[in-house]
């Protein structure tokens, strides 16, 4: 049994839609060295297969027009996915800022209450001191 209170972040993750989760996964995978390495390997294999190995049967001979089409489509999709993810990140930042504001406001009220109690205690101590010196 987990006695830890659920954090805002955990609650937020549970409330995400499938599309929002997919955008996060794509953003995280496209922004990784694994993706970059795989992408470079794919580009090299495409060029080798269409230039050296399969010259007579190349499906996309140099200057790789089909590859350029795929790269253009990928760039368009990546831009859209990154914008979706950035928009979501902005929404998360706004909610977290509101949460911080509410926490700070509550903490300020509690501190002011403690300061009032402390001032009252100091007043009572002074009265006791004055009563003891008389």
C-alpha atoms as a PDB file:
ATOM      1  CA  UNK A   1       0.000   0.000   0.000  1.00  0.00           C
ATOM      2  CA  UNK A   2       1.409   3.377  -1.015  1.00  0.00           C
ATOM      3  CA  UNK A   3       1.001   6.018   1.699  1.00  0.00           C
ATOM      4  CA  UNK A   4       2.554   8.799  -0.353  1.00  0.00           C
ATOM      5  CA  UNK A   5       0.155  11.546  -1.405  1.00  0.00           C
ATOM      6  CA  UNK A   6      -0.453  11.799  -5.131  1.00  0.00           C
ATOM      7  CA  UNK A   7       1.369  14.748  -6.614  1.00  0.00           C
ATOM      8  CA  UNK A   8      -0.073  17.203  -9.092  1.00  0.00           C
ATOM      9  CA  UNK A   9       2.199  15.752 -11.757  1.00  0.00           C
ATOM     10  CA  UNK A  10       0.895  12.212 -11.200  1.00  0.00           C
ATOM     11  CA  UNK A  11      -2.717  13.406 -11.343  1.00  0.00           C
ATOM     12  CA  UNK A  12      -1.978  15.371 -14.508  1.00  0.00           C
ATOM     13  CA  UNK A  13      -0.369  12.376 -16.248  1.00  0.00           C
ATOM     14  CA  UNK A  14      -3.480  10.311 -15.525  1.00  0.00           C
ATOM     15  CA  UNK A  15      -5.690  12.971 -17.113  1.00  0.00           C
ATOM     16  CA  UNK A  16      -3.873  13.045 -20.471  1.00  0.00           C
ATOM     17  CA  UNK A  17      -5.711  11.979 -23.602  1.00  0.00           C
ATOM     18  CA  UNK A  18      -4.292   9.362 -25.967  1.00  0.00           C
ATOM     19  CA  UNK A  19      -3.331  12.093 -28.429  1.00  0.00           C
ATOM     20  CA  UNK A  20      -1.467  14.067 -25.769  1.00  0.00           C
ATOM     21  CA  UNK A  21       0.413  10.968 -24.647  1.00  0.00           C
ATOM     22  CA  UNK A  22       1.280  10.138 -28.257  1.00  0.00           C
ATOM     23  CA  UNK A  23       2.592  13.681 -28.839  1.00  0.00           C
ATOM     24  CA  UNK A  24       4.762  13.404 -25.729  1.00  0.00           C
ATOM     25  CA  UNK A  25       6.137  10.009 -26.785  1.00  0.00           C
ATOM     26  CA  UNK A  26       6.901  11.228 -30.299  1.00  0.00           C
ATOM     27  CA  UNK A  27       8.549  14.396 -29.003  1.00  0.00           C
ATOM     28  CA  UNK A  28      10.677  12.404 -26.584  1.00  0.00           C
ATOM     29  CA  UNK A  29      11.698   9.843 -29.203  1.00  0.00           C
ATOM     30  CA  UNK A  30      12.425  12.360 -31.978  1.00  0.00           C
ATOM     31  CA  UNK A  31      14.550  14.384 -29.596  1.00  0.00           C
ATOM     32  CA  UNK A  32      16.872  11.498 -28.798  1.00  0.00           C
ATOM     33  CA  UNK A  33      20.286  10.374 -30.014  1.00  0.00           C
ATOM     34  CA  UNK A  34      18.765   6.988 -30.794  1.00  0.00           C
ATOM     35  CA  UNK A  35      16.419   8.598 -33.331  1.00  0.00           C
ATOM     36  CA  UNK A  36      19.220  10.695 -34.831  1.00  0.00           C
ATOM     37  CA  UNK A  37      21.481   7.635 -35.146  1.00  0.00           C
ATOM     38  CA  UNK A  38      18.717   5.546 -36.691  1.00  0.00           C
ATOM     39  CA  UNK A  39      17.814   8.346 -39.082  1.00  0.00           C
ATOM     40  CA  UNK A  40      21.428   8.723 -40.247  1.00  0.00           C
ATOM     41  CA  UNK A  41      21.737   4.946 -40.657  1.00  0.00           C
ATOM     42  CA  UNK A  42      18.525   4.874 -42.715  1.00  0.00           C
ATOM     43  CA  UNK A  43      19.789   7.697 -44.961  1.00  0.00           C
ATOM     44  CA  UNK A  44      23.124   5.921 -45.541  1.00  0.00           C
ATOM     45  CA  UNK A  45      21.390   2.611 -46.290  1.00  0.00           C
ATOM     46  CA  UNK A  46      19.006   4.338 -48.717  1.00  0.00           C
ATOM     47  CA  UNK A  47      21.891   6.012 -50.538  1.00  0.00           C
ATOM     48  CA  UNK A  48      23.976   2.820 -50.657  1.00  0.00           C
ATOM     49  CA  UNK A  49      21.062   0.678 -51.818  1.00  0.00           C
ATOM     50  CA  UNK A  50      20.124   3.101 -54.576  1.00  0.00           C
ATOM     51  CA  UNK A  51      23.622   4.098 -55.682  1.00  0.00           C
ATOM     52  CA  UNK A  52      26.011   1.200 -55.263  1.00  0.00           C
ATOM     53  CA  UNK A  53      24.294  -2.095 -54.594  1.00  0.00           C
ATOM     54  CA  UNK A  54      21.170  -1.880 -56.719  1.00  0.00           C
ATOM     55  CA  UNK A  55      22.275   0.540 -59.422  1.00  0.00           C
ATOM     56  CA  UNK A  56      20.511  -1.382 -62.160  1.00  0.00           C
ATOM     57  CA  UNK A  57      17.356  -1.923 -60.087  1.00  0.00           C
ATOM     58  CA  UNK A  58      17.343   1.260 -57.983  1.00  0.00           C
ATOM     59  CA  UNK A  59      13.808   2.313 -57.044  1.00  0.00           C
ATOM     60  CA  UNK A  60      15.020   5.867 -56.298  1.00  0.00           C
ATOM     61  CA  UNK A  61      18.181   6.639 -58.277  1.00  0.00           C
ATOM     62  CA  UNK A  62      20.314   9.678 -57.568  1.00  0.00           C
ATOM     63  CA  UNK A  63      19.249  12.545 -56.807  1.00  0.00           C
ATOM     64  CA  UNK A  64      16.849  10.512 -54.616  1.00  0.00           C
ATOM     65  CA  UNK A  65      13.600  12.307 -55.444  1.00  0.00           C
ATOM     66  CA  UNK A  66      11.468   9.822 -53.494  1.00  0.00           C
ATOM     67  CA  UNK A  67      13.717  10.196 -50.447  1.00  0.00           C
ATOM     68  CA  UNK A  68      13.402  13.980 -50.699  1.00  0.00           C
ATOM     69  CA  UNK A  69       9.610  13.626 -50.745  1.00  0.00           C
ATOM     70  CA  UNK A  70       9.700  11.435 -47.624  1.00  0.00           C
ATOM     71  CA  UNK A  71      12.063  13.849 -45.871  1.00  0.00           C
ATOM     72  CA  UNK A  72       9.790  16.784 -46.665  1.00  0.00           C
ATOM     73  CA  UNK A  73       6.772  14.938 -45.279  1.00  0.00           C
ATOM     74  CA  UNK A  74       8.764  13.958 -42.175  1.00  0.00           C
ATOM     75  CA  UNK A  75       9.834  17.574 -41.616  1.00  0.00           C
ATOM     76  CA  UNK A  76       6.220  18.729 -41.898  1.00  0.00           C
ATOM     77  CA  UNK A  77       5.036  16.121 -39.418  1.00  0.00           C
ATOM     78  CA  UNK A  78       7.894  16.812 -37.027  1.00  0.00           C
ATOM     79  CA  UNK A  79       7.065  20.502 -37.047  1.00  0.00           C
ATOM     80  CA  UNK A  80       3.424  19.813 -36.232  1.00  0.00           C
ATOM     81  CA  UNK A  81       4.286  17.291 -33.506  1.00  0.00           C
ATOM     82  CA  UNK A  82       6.785  19.649 -31.910  1.00  0.00           C
ATOM     83  CA  UNK A  83       4.219  22.466 -31.954  1.00  0.00           C
ATOM     84  CA  UNK A  84       1.642  20.200 -30.302  1.00  0.00           C
ATOM     85  CA  UNK A  85       4.173  19.193 -27.655  1.00  0.00           C
ATOM     86  CA  UNK A  86       5.255  22.820 -27.095  1.00  0.00           C
ATOM     87  CA  UNK A  87       1.627  23.898 -26.730  1.00  0.00           C
ATOM     88  CA  UNK A  88       1.089  21.159 -24.159  1.00  0.00           C
ATOM     89  CA  UNK A  89       4.266  22.182 -22.331  1.00  0.00           C
ATOM     90  CA  UNK A  90       2.993  25.775 -22.182  1.00  0.00           C
ATOM     91  CA  UNK A  91      -0.301  24.552 -20.739  1.00  0.00           C
ATOM     92  CA  UNK A  92       1.562  22.493 -18.130  1.00  0.00           C
ATOM     93  CA  UNK A  93       3.747  25.488 -17.220  1.00  0.00           C
ATOM     94  CA  UNK A  94       0.658  27.689 -16.820  1.00  0.00           C
ATOM     95  CA  UNK A  95      -1.065  25.159 -14.548  1.00  0.00           C
ATOM     96  CA  UNK A  96       2.107  24.710 -12.497  1.00  0.00           C
ATOM     97  CA  UNK A  97       2.489  28.490 -12.174  1.00  0.00           C
ATOM     98  CA  UNK A  98      -1.117  28.732 -10.923  1.00  0.00           C
ATOM     99  CA  UNK A  99      -0.449  25.871  -8.483  1.00  0.00           C
ATOM    100  CA  UNK A 100       2.698  27.659  -7.237  1.00  0.00           C
ATOM    101  CA  UNK A 101       0.741  30.898  -6.833  1.00  0.00           C
ATOM    102  CA  UNK A 102      -1.983  29.156  -4.821  1.00  0.00           C
ATOM    103  CA  UNK A 103       0.622  27.392  -2.661  1.00  0.00           C
ATOM    104  CA  UNK A 104       2.475  30.661  -2.060  1.00  0.00           C
ATOM    105  CA  UNK A 105      -0.751  32.496  -1.226  1.00  0.00           C
ATOM    106  CA  UNK A 106      -1.733  29.798   1.277  1.00  0.00           C
ATOM    107  CA  UNK A 107       1.759  29.838   2.788  1.00  0.00           C
ATOM    108  CA  UNK A 108       1.632  33.642   3.083  1.00  0.00           C
ATOM    109  CA  UNK A 109      -1.699  33.457   4.906  1.00  0.00           C
ATOM    110  CA  UNK A 110      -0.312  30.847   7.308  1.00  0.00           C
ATOM    111  CA  UNK A 111       2.830  32.915   7.926  1.00  0.00           C
ATOM    112  CA  UNK A 112       0.729  36.018   8.593  1.00  0.00           C
ATOM    113  CA  UNK A 113      -1.386  34.000  11.042  1.00  0.00           C
ATOM    114  CA  UNK A 114       1.760  32.769  12.804  1.00  0.00           C
ATOM    115  CA  UNK A 115       3.114  36.329  12.924  1.00  0.00           C
ATOM    116  CA  UNK A 116      -0.149  37.485  14.531  1.00  0.00           C
ATOM    117  CA  UNK A 117       0.063  34.687  17.099  1.00  0.00           C
ATOM    118  CA  UNK A 118       3.729  35.525  17.734  1.00  0.00           C
ATOM    119  CA  UNK A 119       2.924  39.219  18.207  1.00  0.00           C
ATOM    120  CA  UNK A 120       0.132  38.303  20.654  1.00  0.00           C
ATOM    121  CA  UNK A 121       2.507  36.058  22.590  1.00  0.00           C
ATOM    122  CA  UNK A 122       5.098  38.854  22.765  1.00  0.00           C
ATOM    123  CA  UNK A 123       2.428  41.252  24.039  1.00  0.00           C
ATOM    124  CA  UNK A 124       1.409  38.778  26.752  1.00  0.00           C
ATOM    125  CA  UNK A 125       5.072  38.232  27.721  1.00  0.00           C
ATOM    126  CA  UNK A 126       5.617  41.977  28.026  1.00  0.00           C
ATOM    127  CA  UNK A 127       2.494  42.301  30.186  1.00  0.00           C
ATOM    128  CA  UNK A 128       3.761  39.485  32.412  1.00  0.00           C
ATOM    129  CA  UNK A 129       7.189  41.124  32.640  1.00  0.00           C
ATOM    130  CA  UNK A 130       5.627  44.461  33.529  1.00  0.00           C
ATOM    131  CA  UNK A 131       3.356  42.812  36.110  1.00  0.00           C
ATOM    132  CA  UNK A 132       6.362  41.021  37.640  1.00  0.00           C
ATOM    133  CA  UNK A 133       8.416  44.219  37.973  1.00  0.00           C
ATOM    134  CA  UNK A 134       5.663  46.084  39.813  1.00  0.00           C
END
